[in-house]
Amino acid sequence: MPGFGQITPAQAMRRIGIPDAPLIIYVRSDDDLAALPRVIPTTRRVAHTAIATLPAPGAPWVTRHRPKIDRIACPWLIRRFISPSARFLFVAPTEVAEVADRFGAIPFDIEGVAFSDRGDQCTFDALLDDFGLHTDALDRMANVIRAADTDRHDLAPQAAGLLALSVGLSRMCHDDLTQLSAGIALYDALYRWARDGHEEGHDWPEVRKA
């Protein structure tokens, strides 16, 4: 039983990917990291000589304006599992490359960049692959996002609902960052369904989990 102000590793891992996830700091040497390169998602690495400091936020990310499904799901994934302090820029498609160059931003979900659609896989899938984030919950979530983003609703029955909510948000929000804020809450809920509630039906007893 952890004491006051403490948290067990299992409790910490269950909070990764939800809004109140703790900040986890790795103090590891280069040799240790080379021997075991995998790290907990969202972890910040700080050298033992600079334990009192934290690294500056990473580069911003940039994509096409007027986001809908994948361009809201990807920022959710980046903030929850890759870079909690990530900032996002939404610009006209013809301006993505220029803005990325000017601000040192990471472009995504646009043709010709590292993080984009790959065959029948969407950008959300690419981020899972490249950052080694595959888990049962995220893979389940990715299937719904891919089905909604590519209009292949036969892949997941939840896809039609996700598309409907996404279209509704895009019609409600004229500002892309406002839409992103609302969409983050939507994908928080989708993640909790994918992690804890995907087998639950409407008439099941209500269960609340951390």
Protein backbone atom coordinates (compact mmCIF):
# COMPACT_ATOMS: atom_id res chain seq x y z
CA MET A 1 0.00 0.00 0.00
CA PRO A 2 1.64 3.29 -1.06
CA GLY A 3 1.98 6.01 1.51
CA PHE A 4 0.54 9.52 1.30
CA GLY A 5 1.81 11.30 -1.80
CA GLN A 6 3.04 8.05 -3.38
CA ILE A 7 1.84 6.10 -6.39
CA THR A 8 2.58 2.53 -7.46
CA PRO A 9 4.02 1.73 -10.91
CA ALA A 10 0.75 0.04 -11.87
CA GLN A 11 -1.25 3.11 -10.84
CA ALA A 12 1.13 5.36 -12.76
CA MET A 13 0.87 3.30 -15.94
CA ARG A 14 -2.93 3.40 -15.84
CA ARG A 15 -2.75 7.19 -15.82
CA ILE A 16 -0.61 7.41 -18.95
CA GLY A 17 -2.81 8.71 -21.74
CA ILE A 18 -5.43 10.41 -19.56
CA PRO A 19 -5.63 14.14 -18.72
CA ASP A 20 -4.19 13.91 -15.20
CA ALA A 21 -1.22 11.72 -16.13
CA PRO A 22 1.80 12.35 -13.88
CA LEU A 23 5.05 13.84 -15.15
CA ILE A 24 7.60 11.00 -15.25
CA ILE A 25 11.29 11.91 -15.39
CA TYR A 26 14.01 9.45 -16.38
CA VAL A 27 17.47 10.02 -14.96
CA ARG A 28 19.47 7.62 -17.13
CA SER A 29 22.94 7.63 -18.63
CA ASP A 30 23.49 7.27 -22.37
CA ASP A 31 24.80 3.74 -21.81
CA ASP A 32 21.71 2.75 -19.84
CA LEU A 33 19.42 4.18 -22.52
CA ALA A 34 21.35 2.36 -25.27
CA ALA A 35 21.01 -0.93 -23.39
CA LEU A 36 17.26 -0.47 -22.88
CA PRO A 37 16.02 2.08 -25.44
CA ARG A 38 12.31 1.75 -24.67
CA VAL A 39 10.86 4.40 -22.37
CA ILE A 40 7.45 5.06 -20.88
CA PRO A 41 5.38 7.30 -23.20
CA THR A 42 5.51 11.04 -22.39
CA THR A 43 8.59 10.54 -20.20
CA ARG A 44 11.05 13.40 -20.06
CA ARG A 45 14.71 12.48 -19.80
CA VAL A 46 16.94 14.68 -17.65
CA ALA A 47 20.68 14.21 -17.19
CA HIS A 48 21.82 13.48 -13.66
CA THR A 49 23.87 16.67 -13.81
CA ALA A 50 20.76 18.73 -14.46
CA ILE A 51 18.16 17.05 -12.29
CA ALA A 52 16.82 20.42 -11.12
CA THR A 53 15.90 21.42 -14.67
CA LEU A 54 13.46 20.17 -17.27
CA PRO A 55 14.01 20.17 -21.02
CA ALA A 56 12.30 22.90 -23.02
CA PRO A 57 9.11 21.96 -24.87
CA GLY A 58 9.72 20.30 -28.20
CA ALA A 59 9.11 21.72 -31.63
CA PRO A 60 5.56 22.64 -32.65
CA TRP A 61 3.65 20.43 -35.07
CA VAL A 62 1.95 21.74 -38.20
CA THR A 63 -0.77 20.36 -40.45
CA ARG A 64 -3.57 21.41 -42.77
CA HIS A 65 -6.31 23.67 -41.47
CA ARG A 66 -9.95 22.70 -40.93
CA PRO A 67 -9.13 19.41 -39.17
CA LYS A 68 -11.65 16.65 -38.79
CA ILE A 69 -10.78 13.09 -37.72
CA ASP A 70 -7.11 12.16 -38.16
CA ARG A 71 -5.90 15.75 -37.69
CA ILE A 72 -7.61 15.88 -34.28
CA ALA A 73 -6.80 12.29 -33.29
CA CYS A 74 -3.09 12.78 -34.01
CA PRO A 75 -2.70 15.87 -31.80
CA TRP A 76 -4.51 13.95 -29.06
CA LEU A 77 -2.03 11.07 -29.40
CA ILE A 78 0.95 13.44 -29.47
CA ARG A 79 -0.14 15.28 -26.33
CA ARG A 80 -1.14 12.20 -24.38
CA PHE A 81 1.66 9.81 -25.37
CA ILE A 82 4.52 11.66 -27.10
CA SER A 83 4.87 15.29 -26.03
CA PRO A 84 2.42 16.61 -23.40
CA SER A 85 3.38 20.24 -24.04
CA ALA A 86 3.12 19.98 -27.84
CA ARG A 87 1.73 22.98 -29.71
CA PHE A 88 -0.15 22.75 -33.00
CA LEU A 89 -0.36 25.02 -36.02
CA PHE A 90 -3.16 24.69 -38.58
CA VAL A 91 -2.46 26.37 -41.92
CA ALA A 92 -3.47 26.17 -45.56
CA PRO A 93 -2.11 23.02 -47.26
CA THR A 94 0.17 25.08 -49.49
CA GLU A 95 1.73 26.74 -46.43
CA VAL A 96 2.59 23.65 -44.37
CA ALA A 97 6.13 23.23 -45.74
CA GLU A 98 6.94 26.94 -45.39
CA VAL A 99 5.63 27.12 -41.82
CA ALA A 100 7.47 23.93 -40.88
CA ASP A 101 10.71 25.41 -42.18
CA ARG A 102 10.22 28.84 -40.62
CA PHE A 103 9.27 27.64 -37.14
CA GLY A 104 11.11 24.33 -37.02
CA ALA A 105 7.72 22.60 -36.82
CA ILE A 106 7.08 18.91 -37.47
CA PRO A 107 4.64 18.49 -40.39
CA PHE A 108 2.04 15.72 -40.27
CA ASP A 109 -0.95 14.36 -42.16
CA ILE A 110 0.04 15.86 -45.49
CA GLU A 111 1.54 14.17 -48.53
CA GLY A 112 5.31 13.89 -48.70
CA VAL A 113 6.19 14.03 -44.98
CA ALA A 114 7.30 11.34 -42.53
CA PHE A 115 4.10 11.25 -40.49
CA SER A 116 1.28 10.82 -42.95
CA ASP A 117 -0.98 8.20 -44.54
CA ARG A 118 0.79 5.01 -45.58
CA GLY A 119 -1.17 2.83 -47.96
CA ASP A 120 -4.46 2.00 -46.26
CA GLN A 121 -3.10 3.19 -42.91
CA CYS A 122 -3.73 6.72 -41.65
CA THR A 123 -1.38 9.12 -39.87
CA PHE A 124 -2.52 7.92 -36.45
CA ASP A 125 -1.24 4.46 -37.41
CA ALA A 126 2.07 5.95 -38.58
CA LEU A 127 2.61 7.63 -35.21
CA LEU A 128 1.85 4.38 -33.37
CA ASP A 129 4.41 2.58 -35.54
CA ASP A 130 7.20 5.13 -35.40
CA PHE A 131 6.96 5.87 -31.68
CA GLY A 132 6.40 2.25 -30.65
CA LEU A 133 3.04 2.97 -29.02
CA HIS A 134 1.08 -0.14 -29.94
CA THR A 135 -1.11 -1.37 -27.10
CA ASP A 136 -4.44 -3.19 -27.20
CA ALA A 137 -6.29 0.03 -26.34
CA LEU A 138 -4.50 2.27 -28.85
CA ASP A 139 -4.75 -0.36 -31.60
CA ARG A 140 -8.48 -0.69 -30.92
CA MET A 141 -8.81 3.08 -31.04
CA ALA A 142 -6.73 3.25 -34.24
CA ASN A 143 -9.09 0.82 -35.96
CA VAL A 144 -12.06 3.09 -35.26
CA ILE A 145 -10.17 6.22 -36.36
CA ARG A 146 -8.94 4.56 -39.56
CA ALA A 147 -12.44 3.34 -40.39
CA ALA A 148 -13.94 6.80 -39.86
CA ASP A 149 -11.12 8.65 -41.62
CA THR A 150 -11.32 6.45 -44.74
CA ASP A 151 -15.11 5.94 -44.82
CA ARG A 152 -14.68 2.18 -44.28
CA HIS A 153 -17.27 1.84 -41.57
CA ASP A 154 -17.38 -1.93 -42.03
CA LEU A 155 -14.06 -2.08 -40.16
CA ALA A 156 -15.57 -0.80 -36.90
CA PRO A 157 -19.22 -0.09 -36.03
CA GLN A 158 -18.12 2.88 -33.89
CA ALA A 159 -16.70 4.67 -36.95
CA ALA A 160 -20.02 6.13 -38.08
CA GLY A 161 -20.55 7.70 -34.66
CA LEU A 162 -17.03 9.13 -34.59
CA LEU A 163 -17.53 10.62 -38.04
CA ALA A 164 -20.87 12.16 -37.02
CA LEU A 165 -19.39 13.75 -33.89
CA SER A 166 -16.35 14.98 -35.83
CA VAL A 167 -18.48 16.60 -38.52
CA GLY A 168 -20.60 18.20 -35.82
CA LEU A 169 -17.54 19.64 -34.09
CA SER A 170 -16.19 21.02 -37.36
CA ARG A 171 -19.51 22.77 -38.00
CA MET A 172 -19.66 24.16 -34.44
CA CYS A 173 -16.10 25.50 -34.31
CA HIS A 174 -14.89 28.12 -36.76
CA ASP A 175 -11.48 28.31 -35.08
CA ASP A 176 -9.24 25.26 -35.49
CA LEU A 177 -7.68 25.52 -32.02
CA THR A 178 -11.13 25.74 -30.44
CA GLN A 179 -12.08 22.62 -32.34
CA LEU A 180 -8.87 20.93 -31.18
CA SER A 181 -9.70 21.67 -27.53
CA ALA A 182 -13.17 20.16 -27.93
CA GLY A 183 -11.79 17.23 -29.91
CA ILE A 184 -9.21 16.38 -27.24
CA ALA A 185 -12.08 15.67 -24.82
CA LEU A 186 -13.76 13.51 -27.47
CA TYR A 187 -10.64 11.38 -27.95
CA ASP A 188 -10.05 11.18 -24.20
CA ALA A 189 -13.46 9.51 -24.01
CA LEU A 190 -12.72 7.25 -26.99
CA TYR A 191 -9.48 6.12 -25.36
CA ARG A 192 -11.21 5.26 -22.10
CA TRP A 193 -13.77 3.25 -24.08
CA ALA A 194 -10.97 1.45 -25.93
CA ARG A 195 -9.05 0.76 -22.72
CA ASP A 196 -11.79 -0.07 -20.21
CA GLY A 197 -15.24 -0.06 -21.76
CA HIS A 198 -15.14 -1.66 -25.21
CA GLU A 199 -17.01 -4.76 -24.00
CA GLU A 200 -19.65 -2.78 -22.12
CA GLY A 201 -23.22 -2.53 -23.38
CA HIS A 202 -25.85 0.10 -22.66
CA ASP A 203 -27.54 -1.86 -19.87
CA TRP A 204 -24.36 -2.86 -18.04
CA PRO A 205 -23.93 -1.59 -14.46
CA GLU A 206 -22.06 1.69 -14.29
CA VAL A 207 -18.41 1.25 -13.33
CA ARG A 208 -15.95 4.08 -12.76
CA LYS A 209 -12.24 3.41 -13.02
CA ALA A 210 -9.20 5.64 -12.59
